[in-house]
PDB file of N, CA and C in Angstrom:
ATOM      1  N   MET A   1      93.879  94.447 121.052  1.00  0.00           N
ATOM      2  CA  MET A   1      93.325  93.472 120.134  1.00  0.00           C
ATOM      3  C   MET A   1      93.045  94.147 118.797  1.00  0.00           C
ATOM      4  N   PRO A   2      93.454  93.517 117.667  1.00  0.00           N
ATOM      5  CA  PRO A   2      93.232  94.136 116.355  1.00  0.00           C
ATOM      6  C   PRO A   2      91.744  94.271 116.046  1.00  0.00           C
ATOM      7  N   ALA A   3      91.438  95.253 115.235  1.00  0.00           N
ATOM      8  CA  ALA A   3      90.064  95.429 114.774  1.00  0.00           C
ATOM      9  C   ALA A   3      89.672  94.243 113.892  1.00  0.00           C
ATOM     10  N   PRO A   4      88.374  93.958 113.789  1.00  0.00           N
ATOM     11  CA  PRO A   4      87.955  92.837 112.928  1.00  0.00           C
ATOM     12  C   PRO A   4      88.512  92.988 111.525  1.00  0.00           C
ATOM     13  N   GLY A   5      89.060  91.928 110.993  1.00  0.00           N
ATOM     14  CA  GLY A   5      89.644  91.964 109.664  1.00  0.00           C
ATOM     15  C   GLY A   5      91.073  92.454 109.643  1.00  0.00           C
ATOM     16  N   ASP A   6      91.608  92.882 110.764  1.00  0.00           N
ATOM     17  CA  ASP A   6      92.964  93.415 110.837  1.00  0.00           C
ATOM     18  C   ASP A   6      93.859  92.418 111.567  1.00  0.00           C
ATOM     19  N   SER A   7      94.096  91.285 110.934  1.00  0.00           N
ATOM     20  CA  SER A   7      94.883  90.235 111.578  1.00  0.00           C
ATOM     21  C   SER A   7      96.378  90.425 111.382  1.00  0.00           C
ATOM     22  N   GLY A   8      96.760  91.350 110.515  1.00  0.00           N
ATOM     23  CA  GLY A   8      98.183  91.594 110.286  1.00  0.00           C
ATOM     24  C   GLY A   8      98.766  90.797 109.135  1.00  0.00           C
ATOM     25  N   PHE A   9      97.971  89.870 108.574  1.00  0.00           N
ATOM     26  CA  PHE A   9      98.490  89.049 107.480  1.00  0.00           C
ATOM     27  C   PHE A   9      98.817  89.881 106.243  1.00  0.00           C
ATOM     28  N   THR A  10      97.993  90.866 105.955  1.00  0.00           N
ATOM     29  CA  THR A  10      98.227  91.696 104.772  1.00  0.00           C
ATOM     30  C   THR A  10      99.511  92.494 104.932  1.00  0.00           C
ATOM     31  N   THR A  11      99.718  93.071 106.099  1.00  0.00           N
ATOM     32  CA  THR A  11     100.949  93.831 106.339  1.00  0.00           C
ATOM     33  C   THR A  11     102.161  92.918 106.258  1.00  0.00           C
ATOM     34  N   GLU A  12     102.049  91.739 106.838  1.00  0.00           N
ATOM     35  CA  GLU A  12     103.164  90.789 106.799  1.00  0.00           C
ATOM     36  C   GLU A  12     103.495  90.384 105.364  1.00  0.00           C
ATOM     37  N   ALA A  13     102.467  90.122 104.566  1.00  0.00           N
ATOM     38  CA  ALA A  13     102.683  89.753 103.162  1.00  0.00           C
ATOM     39  C   ALA A  13     103.299  90.909 102.376  1.00  0.00           C
ATOM     40  N   ALA A  14     102.817  92.121 102.628  1.00  0.00           N
ATOM     41  CA  ALA A  14     103.354  93.295 101.934  1.00  0.00           C
ATOM     42  C   ALA A  14     104.809  93.542 102.329  1.00  0.00           C
ATOM     43  N   GLN A  15     105.140  93.313 103.599  1.00  0.00           N
ATOM     44  CA  GLN A  15     106.526  93.469 104.039  1.00  0.00           C
ATOM     45  C   GLN A  15     107.421  92.436 103.351  1.00  0.00           C
ATOM     46  N   ALA A  16     106.929  91.220 103.197  1.00  0.00           N
ATOM     47  CA  ALA A  16     107.701  90.185 102.514  1.00  0.00           C
ATOM     48  C   ALA A  16     107.915  90.558 101.053  1.00  0.00           C
ATOM     49  N   LEU A  17     106.866  91.059 100.403  1.00  0.00           N
ATOM     50  CA  LEU A  17     106.979  91.490  99.016  1.00  0.00           C
ATOM     51  C   LEU A  17     107.996  92.617  98.872  1.00  0.00           C
ATOM     52  N   ALA A  18     107.935  93.580  99.784  1.00  0.00           N
ATOM     53  CA  ALA A  18     108.886  94.693  99.745  1.00  0.00           C
ATOM     54  C   ALA A  18     110.309  94.188  99.952  1.00  0.00           C
ATOM     55  N   GLY A  19     110.472  93.209 100.830  1.00  0.00           N
ATOM     56  CA  GLY A  19     111.795  92.623 101.045  1.00  0.00           C
ATOM     57  C   GLY A  19     112.322  91.936  99.798  1.00  0.00           C
ATOM     58  N   HIS A  20     111.460  91.208  99.117  1.00  0.00           N
ATOM     59  CA  HIS A  20     111.879  90.551  97.869  1.00  0.00           C
ATOM     60  C   HIS A  20     112.241  91.593  96.805  1.00  0.00           C
ATOM     61  N   ALA A  21     111.465  92.662  96.745  1.00  0.00           N
ATOM     62  CA  ALA A  21     111.760  93.732  95.787  1.00  0.00           C
ATOM     63  C   ALA A  21     113.117  94.353  96.087  1.00  0.00           C
ATOM     64  N   ARG A  22     113.393  94.564  97.369  1.00  0.00           N
ATOM     65  CA  ARG A  22     114.688  95.130  97.776  1.00  0.00           C
ATOM     66  C   ARG A  22     115.826  94.183  97.394  1.00  0.00           C
ATOM     67  N   ASN A  23     115.641  92.885  97.683  1.00  0.00           N
ATOM     68  CA  ASN A  23     116.671  91.892  97.359  1.00  0.00           C
ATOM     69  C   ASN A  23     116.903  91.772  95.861  1.00  0.00           C
ATOM     70  N   ALA A  24     115.852  92.006  95.084  1.00  0.00           N
ATOM     71  CA  ALA A  24     115.971  91.949  93.626  1.00  0.00           C
ATOM     72  C   ALA A  24     116.512  93.263  93.056  1.00  0.00           C
ATOM     73  N   GLU A  25     116.787  94.212  93.956  1.00  0.00           N
ATOM     74  CA  GLU A  25     117.331  95.522  93.600  1.00  0.00           C
ATOM     75  C   GLU A  25     116.431  96.283  92.630  1.00  0.00           C
ATOM     76  N   LEU A  26     115.119  96.147  92.827  1.00  0.00           N
ATOM     77  CA  LEU A  26     114.180  96.929  92.029  1.00  0.00           C
ATOM     78  C   LEU A  26     114.327  98.394  92.395  1.00  0.00           C
ATOM     79  N   LYS A  27     114.142  99.258  91.433  1.00  0.00           N
ATOM     80  CA  LYS A  27     114.309 100.683  91.679  1.00  0.00           C
ATOM     81  C   LYS A  27     113.115 101.285  92.401  1.00  0.00           C
ATOM     82  N   SER A  28     111.931 100.697  92.199  1.00  0.00           N
ATOM     83  CA  SER A  28     110.751 101.241  92.877  1.00  0.00           C
ATOM     84  C   SER A  28     109.700 100.156  93.072  1.00  0.00           C
ATOM     85  N   LEU A  29     108.860 100.392  94.035  1.00  0.00           N
ATOM     86  CA  LEU A  29     107.710  99.538  94.323  1.00  0.00           C
ATOM     87  C   LEU A  29     106.570 100.494  94.630  1.00  0.00           C
ATOM     88  N   VAL A  30     105.471 100.373  93.918  1.00  0.00           N
ATOM     89  CA  VAL A  30     104.371 101.323  94.009  1.00  0.00           C
ATOM     90  C   VAL A  30     103.140 100.660  94.601  1.00  0.00           C
ATOM     91  N   ALA A  31     102.497 101.343  95.522  1.00  0.00           N
ATOM     92  CA  ALA A  31     101.222 100.881  96.077  1.00  0.00           C
ATOM     93  C   ALA A  31     100.102 101.673  95.418  1.00  0.00           C
ATOM     94  N   VAL A  32      99.115 100.964  94.901  1.00  0.00           N
ATOM     95  CA  VAL A  32      97.944 101.604  94.298  1.00  0.00           C
ATOM     96  C   VAL A  32      96.723 101.091  95.046  1.00  0.00           C
ATOM     97  N   THR A  33      95.927 102.002  95.581  1.00  0.00           N
ATOM     98  CA  THR A  33      94.728 101.617  96.322  1.00  0.00           C
ATOM     99  C   THR A  33      93.540 102.430  95.831  1.00  0.00           C
ATOM    100  N   ARG A  34      92.373 101.912  96.069  1.00  0.00           N
ATOM    101  CA  ARG A  34      91.154 102.693  95.801  1.00  0.00           C
ATOM    102  C   ARG A  34      91.025 103.733  96.909  1.00  0.00           C
ATOM    103  N   SER A  35      90.449 104.864  96.585  1.00  0.00           N
ATOM    104  CA  SER A  35      90.343 105.943  97.577  1.00  0.00           C
ATOM    105  C   SER A  35      89.511 105.530  98.784  1.00  0.00           C
ATOM    106  N   ALA A  36      88.576 104.627  98.627  1.00  0.00           N
ATOM    107  CA  ALA A  36      87.738 104.194  99.741  1.00  0.00           C
ATOM    108  C   ALA A  36      88.358 103.064 100.557  1.00  0.00           C
ATOM    109  N   ASN A  37      89.458 102.489 100.089  1.00  0.00           N
ATOM    110  CA  ASN A  37      90.055 101.345 100.775  1.00  0.00           C
ATOM    111  C   ASN A  37      91.082 101.831 101.804  1.00  0.00           C
ATOM    112  N   THR A  38      90.568 102.261 102.927  1.00  0.00           N
ATOM    113  CA  THR A  38      91.446 102.824 103.960  1.00  0.00           C
ATOM    114  C   THR A  38      92.345 101.762 104.593  1.00  0.00           C
ATOM    115  N   ALA A  39      91.904 100.512 104.606  1.00  0.00           N
ATOM    116  CA  ALA A  39      92.741  99.444 105.169  1.00  0.00           C
ATOM    117  C   ALA A  39      93.995  99.256 104.322  1.00  0.00           C
ATOM    118  N   ALA A  40      93.844  99.241 103.005  1.00  0.00           N
ATOM    119  CA  ALA A  40      94.995  99.098 102.121  1.00  0.00           C
ATOM    120  C   ALA A  40      95.918 100.309 102.236  1.00  0.00           C
ATOM    121  N   GLN A  41      95.332 101.483 102.380  1.00  0.00           N
ATOM    122  CA  GLN A  41      96.132 102.693 102.544  1.00  0.00           C
ATOM    123  C   GLN A  41      96.921 102.644 103.845  1.00  0.00           C
ATOM    124  N   ALA A  42      96.331 102.074 104.884  1.00  0.00           N
ATOM    125  CA  ALA A  42      97.031 101.950 106.164  1.00  0.00           C
ATOM    126  C   ALA A  42      98.230 101.014 106.031  1.00  0.00           C
ATOM    127  N   VAL A  43      98.055  99.929 105.291  1.00  0.00           N
ATOM    128  CA  VAL A  43      99.178  99.004 105.065  1.00  0.00           C
ATOM    129  C   VAL A  43     100.284  99.724 104.308  1.00  0.00           C
ATOM    130  N   ALA A  44      99.934 100.442 103.255  1.00  0.00           N
ATOM    131  CA  ALA A  44     100.928 101.176 102.478  1.00  0.00           C
ATOM    132  C   ALA A  44     101.633 102.217 103.346  1.00  0.00           C
ATOM    133  N   ARG A  45     100.877 102.866 104.221  1.00  0.00           N
ATOM    134  CA  ARG A  45     101.475 103.847 105.131  1.00  0.00           C
ATOM    135  C   ARG A  45     102.470 103.187 106.078  1.00  0.00           C
ATOM    136  N   ARG A  46     102.119 102.005 106.605  1.00  0.00           N
ATOM    137  CA  ARG A  46     103.018 101.295 107.509  1.00  0.00           C
ATOM    138  C   ARG A  46     104.323 100.921 106.811  1.00  0.00           C
ATOM    139  N   LEU A  47     104.271 100.735 105.503  1.00  0.00           N
ATOM    140  CA  LEU A  47     105.460 100.400 104.742  1.00  0.00           C
ATOM    141  C   LEU A  47     106.138 101.642 104.175  1.00  0.00           C
ATOM    142  N   CYS A  48     105.686 102.814 104.591  1.00  0.00           N
ATOM    143  CA  CYS A  48     106.240 104.111 104.143  1.00  0.00           C
ATOM    144  C   CYS A  48     106.133 104.272 102.635  1.00  0.00           C
ATOM    145  N   MET A  49     105.058 103.748 102.058  1.00  0.00           N
ATOM    146  CA  MET A  49     104.861 103.859 100.617  1.00  0.00           C
ATOM    147  C   MET A  49     104.016 105.063 100.251  1.00  0.00           C
ATOM    148  N   ILE A  50     103.212 105.574 101.196  1.00  0.00           N
ATOM    149  CA  ILE A  50     102.433 106.780 100.977  1.00  0.00           C
ATOM    150  C   ILE A  50     102.467 107.604 102.251  1.00  0.00           C
ATOM    151  N   PRO A  51     102.307 108.919 102.117  1.00  0.00           N
ATOM    152  CA  PRO A  51     102.340 109.778 103.314  1.00  0.00           C
ATOM    153  C   PRO A  51     101.123 109.592 104.198  1.00  0.00           C
TER     154      PRO A  51
END
């Protein structure tokens, strides 16, 4: 069961955005997060946007 607040909607939306960026043949897509926002960093990590 996902942790509270971790329903997967953010990851799904980010994956859709990345797909649109790929289809538009963008050269790069950058994730910017606050250092304290570990949830956003986890989403970016799942999309291989940050190590």
